[in-house]
N, C-alpha and C. Protein backbone atom coordinates (compact mmCIF):
# COMPACT_ATOMS: atom_id res chain seq x y z
N UNK A 1 -29.54 10.28 11.98
CA UNK A 1 -30.17 9.30 12.84
C UNK A 1 -31.28 8.51 12.14
N UNK A 2 -31.98 9.07 11.16
CA UNK A 2 -33.02 8.28 10.50
C UNK A 2 -32.49 7.01 9.85
N UNK A 3 -31.26 7.03 9.35
CA UNK A 3 -30.68 5.83 8.72
C UNK A 3 -30.51 4.72 9.77
N UNK A 4 -30.11 5.09 10.97
CA UNK A 4 -29.94 4.10 12.03
C UNK A 4 -31.30 3.51 12.41
N UNK A 5 -32.32 4.36 12.49
CA UNK A 5 -33.65 3.86 12.83
C UNK A 5 -34.17 2.91 11.75
N UNK A 6 -33.93 3.26 10.49
CA UNK A 6 -34.34 2.40 9.39
C UNK A 6 -33.64 1.05 9.48
N UNK A 7 -32.36 1.06 9.79
CA UNK A 7 -31.60 -0.18 9.94
C UNK A 7 -32.16 -1.04 11.07
N UNK A 8 -32.43 -0.41 12.21
CA UNK A 8 -32.96 -1.14 13.36
C UNK A 8 -34.33 -1.72 13.04
N UNK A 9 -35.18 -0.92 12.37
CA UNK A 9 -36.51 -1.40 12.01
C UNK A 9 -36.42 -2.54 10.98
N UNK A 10 -35.47 -2.46 10.07
CA UNK A 10 -35.30 -3.51 9.07
C UNK A 10 -34.85 -4.81 9.73
N UNK A 11 -33.89 -4.72 10.62
CA UNK A 11 -33.42 -5.92 11.33
C UNK A 11 -34.56 -6.50 12.17
N UNK A 12 -35.28 -5.63 12.87
CA UNK A 12 -36.42 -6.09 13.66
C UNK A 12 -37.50 -6.71 12.78
N UNK A 13 -37.74 -6.12 11.62
CA UNK A 13 -38.72 -6.65 10.69
C UNK A 13 -38.32 -8.00 10.14
N UNK A 14 -37.04 -8.15 9.82
CA UNK A 14 -36.57 -9.45 9.35
C UNK A 14 -36.73 -10.51 10.43
N UNK A 15 -36.50 -10.11 11.68
CA UNK A 15 -36.71 -11.02 12.80
C UNK A 15 -38.18 -11.44 12.86
N UNK A 16 -39.09 -10.49 12.71
CA UNK A 16 -40.52 -10.81 12.74
C UNK A 16 -40.89 -11.76 11.61
N UNK A 17 -40.32 -11.54 10.42
CA UNK A 17 -40.59 -12.45 9.30
C UNK A 17 -40.05 -13.85 9.60
N UNK A 18 -38.89 -13.92 10.25
CA UNK A 18 -38.32 -15.22 10.60
C UNK A 18 -39.23 -15.94 11.61
N UNK A 19 -39.74 -15.20 12.58
CA UNK A 19 -40.66 -15.81 13.55
C UNK A 19 -41.91 -16.33 12.85
N UNK A 20 -42.42 -15.57 11.89
CA UNK A 20 -43.60 -16.00 11.14
C UNK A 20 -43.29 -17.25 10.32
N UNK A 21 -42.11 -17.29 9.73
CA UNK A 21 -41.71 -18.48 8.97
C UNK A 21 -41.62 -19.70 9.88
N UNK A 22 -41.08 -19.52 11.07
CA UNK A 22 -40.98 -20.63 12.02
C UNK A 22 -42.38 -21.08 12.45
N UNK A 23 -43.26 -20.12 12.74
CA UNK A 23 -44.62 -20.47 13.17
C UNK A 23 -45.38 -21.24 12.09
N UNK A 24 -45.08 -20.95 10.82
CA UNK A 24 -45.76 -21.66 9.73
C UNK A 24 -44.93 -22.84 9.24
N UNK A 25 -43.90 -23.18 10.00
CA UNK A 25 -43.02 -24.32 9.71
C UNK A 25 -42.41 -24.26 8.31
N UNK A 26 -42.13 -23.05 7.86
CA UNK A 26 -41.47 -22.80 6.56
C UNK A 26 -42.27 -23.37 5.39
N UNK A 27 -43.57 -23.52 5.55
CA UNK A 27 -44.43 -24.00 4.46
C UNK A 27 -44.90 -22.81 3.64
N UNK A 28 -44.00 -22.30 2.82
CA UNK A 28 -44.28 -21.09 2.06
C UNK A 28 -45.30 -21.30 0.95
N UNK A 29 -45.63 -22.53 0.64
CA UNK A 29 -46.68 -22.80 -0.34
C UNK A 29 -47.97 -23.23 0.33
N UNK A 30 -48.01 -23.13 1.66
CA UNK A 30 -49.20 -23.51 2.41
C UNK A 30 -50.29 -22.46 2.32
N UNK A 31 -51.43 -22.75 2.93
CA UNK A 31 -52.58 -21.85 2.81
C UNK A 31 -52.34 -20.44 3.37
N UNK A 32 -51.64 -20.33 4.50
CA UNK A 32 -51.41 -19.00 5.07
C UNK A 32 -50.60 -18.14 4.12
N UNK A 33 -49.50 -18.65 3.61
CA UNK A 33 -48.64 -17.85 2.73
C UNK A 33 -49.31 -17.56 1.41
N UNK A 34 -50.09 -18.51 0.89
CA UNK A 34 -50.84 -18.23 -0.35
C UNK A 34 -51.81 -17.08 -0.12
N UNK A 35 -52.52 -17.13 1.02
CA UNK A 35 -53.45 -16.06 1.34
C UNK A 35 -52.71 -14.72 1.49
N UNK A 36 -51.59 -14.73 2.17
CA UNK A 36 -50.82 -13.50 2.39
C UNK A 36 -50.36 -12.91 1.05
N UNK A 37 -49.86 -13.74 0.16
CA UNK A 37 -49.38 -13.26 -1.14
C UNK A 37 -50.54 -12.75 -1.99
N UNK A 38 -51.66 -13.48 -1.98
CA UNK A 38 -52.82 -13.03 -2.75
C UNK A 38 -53.37 -11.71 -2.22
N UNK A 39 -53.35 -11.54 -0.91
CA UNK A 39 -53.82 -10.30 -0.31
C UNK A 39 -52.91 -9.14 -0.69
N UNK A 40 -51.63 -9.38 -0.71
CA UNK A 40 -50.68 -8.31 -1.01
C UNK A 40 -50.57 -8.00 -2.49
N UNK A 41 -50.56 -9.03 -3.34
CA UNK A 41 -50.23 -8.82 -4.75
C UNK A 41 -51.29 -9.30 -5.73
N UNK A 42 -52.34 -9.96 -5.25
CA UNK A 42 -53.36 -10.49 -6.15
C UNK A 42 -53.10 -11.95 -6.46
N UNK A 43 -54.06 -12.57 -7.14
CA UNK A 43 -53.94 -14.01 -7.40
C UNK A 43 -53.40 -14.34 -8.79
N UNK A 44 -53.07 -13.33 -9.58
CA UNK A 44 -52.54 -13.56 -10.92
C UNK A 44 -51.06 -13.15 -10.96
N UNK A 45 -50.15 -14.12 -10.91
CA UNK A 45 -48.71 -13.80 -10.89
C UNK A 45 -48.25 -12.95 -12.08
N UNK A 46 -48.94 -13.03 -13.19
CA UNK A 46 -48.52 -12.23 -14.35
C UNK A 46 -48.78 -10.74 -14.13
N UNK A 47 -49.61 -10.40 -13.16
CA UNK A 47 -49.91 -8.99 -12.88
C UNK A 47 -49.17 -8.47 -11.64
N UNK A 48 -48.36 -9.31 -11.02
CA UNK A 48 -47.60 -8.89 -9.84
C UNK A 48 -46.55 -7.88 -10.24
N UNK A 49 -46.14 -7.03 -9.30
CA UNK A 49 -45.03 -6.12 -9.57
C UNK A 49 -43.74 -6.92 -9.72
N UNK A 50 -42.71 -6.29 -10.28
CA UNK A 50 -41.43 -6.99 -10.41
C UNK A 50 -40.90 -7.47 -9.05
N UNK A 51 -40.04 -8.46 -9.11
CA UNK A 51 -39.50 -9.09 -7.89
C UNK A 51 -38.90 -8.07 -6.92
N UNK A 52 -38.17 -7.11 -7.45
CA UNK A 52 -37.53 -6.10 -6.59
C UNK A 52 -38.59 -5.29 -5.83
N UNK A 53 -39.65 -4.90 -6.50
CA UNK A 53 -40.72 -4.16 -5.84
C UNK A 53 -41.41 -5.01 -4.78
N UNK A 54 -41.60 -6.28 -5.07
CA UNK A 54 -42.21 -7.19 -4.08
C UNK A 54 -41.31 -7.30 -2.85
N UNK A 55 -40.01 -7.38 -3.07
CA UNK A 55 -39.07 -7.45 -1.95
C UNK A 55 -39.15 -6.19 -1.09
N UNK A 56 -39.14 -5.01 -1.73
CA UNK A 56 -39.23 -3.76 -0.97
C UNK A 56 -40.56 -3.66 -0.23
N UNK A 57 -41.65 -4.11 -0.86
CA UNK A 57 -42.96 -4.09 -0.20
C UNK A 57 -42.96 -5.03 1.00
N UNK A 58 -42.33 -6.18 0.86
CA UNK A 58 -42.26 -7.15 1.96
C UNK A 58 -41.44 -6.58 3.11
N UNK A 59 -40.33 -5.92 2.81
CA UNK A 59 -39.52 -5.31 3.86
C UNK A 59 -40.26 -4.16 4.53
N UNK A 60 -41.02 -3.38 3.76
CA UNK A 60 -41.81 -2.30 4.36
C UNK A 60 -42.85 -2.88 5.31
N UNK A 61 -43.48 -3.96 4.90
CA UNK A 61 -44.46 -4.63 5.76
C UNK A 61 -43.77 -5.14 7.04
N UNK A 62 -42.60 -5.73 6.90
CA UNK A 62 -41.87 -6.27 8.06
C UNK A 62 -41.50 -5.15 9.02
N UNK A 63 -41.05 -4.00 8.48
CA UNK A 63 -40.73 -2.86 9.35
C UNK A 63 -41.98 -2.36 10.07
N UNK A 64 -43.12 -2.34 9.36
CA UNK A 64 -44.37 -1.91 9.96
C UNK A 64 -44.76 -2.84 11.12
N UNK A 65 -44.64 -4.15 10.90
CA UNK A 65 -44.95 -5.11 11.95
C UNK A 65 -44.07 -4.86 13.16
N UNK A 66 -42.80 -4.64 12.93
CA UNK A 66 -41.87 -4.38 14.03
C UNK A 66 -42.29 -3.13 14.80
N UNK A 67 -42.63 -2.07 14.08
CA UNK A 67 -43.06 -0.83 14.77
C UNK A 67 -44.34 -1.06 15.56
N UNK A 68 -45.29 -1.80 15.02
CA UNK A 68 -46.56 -2.04 15.72
C UNK A 68 -46.34 -2.87 16.99
N UNK A 69 -45.47 -3.85 16.90
CA UNK A 69 -45.23 -4.71 18.07
C UNK A 69 -44.45 -3.99 19.17
N UNK A 70 -43.67 -2.97 18.78
CA UNK A 70 -42.82 -2.30 19.75
C UNK A 70 -43.29 -0.88 20.05
N UNK A 71 -44.49 -0.53 19.59
CA UNK A 71 -45.09 0.76 19.94
C UNK A 71 -44.34 1.98 19.48
N UNK A 72 -43.82 1.95 18.26
CA UNK A 72 -43.08 3.13 17.76
C UNK A 72 -43.82 3.79 16.65
């Protein structure tokens, strides 16, 4: 059952990310997204983790948002 819960949380998290993208009008280079990326990974792209790690961190954040919004 944990695999099913992970799947549901991932889908819900992706939905939350989509809502956030819509709210920011898909301006991924705008001030909000720059702030979000700097907060998560720092302001020096050469020191960021590899792309795959950033993706997993973003999905973990999305799942967390989904759990917080749905009280789980």
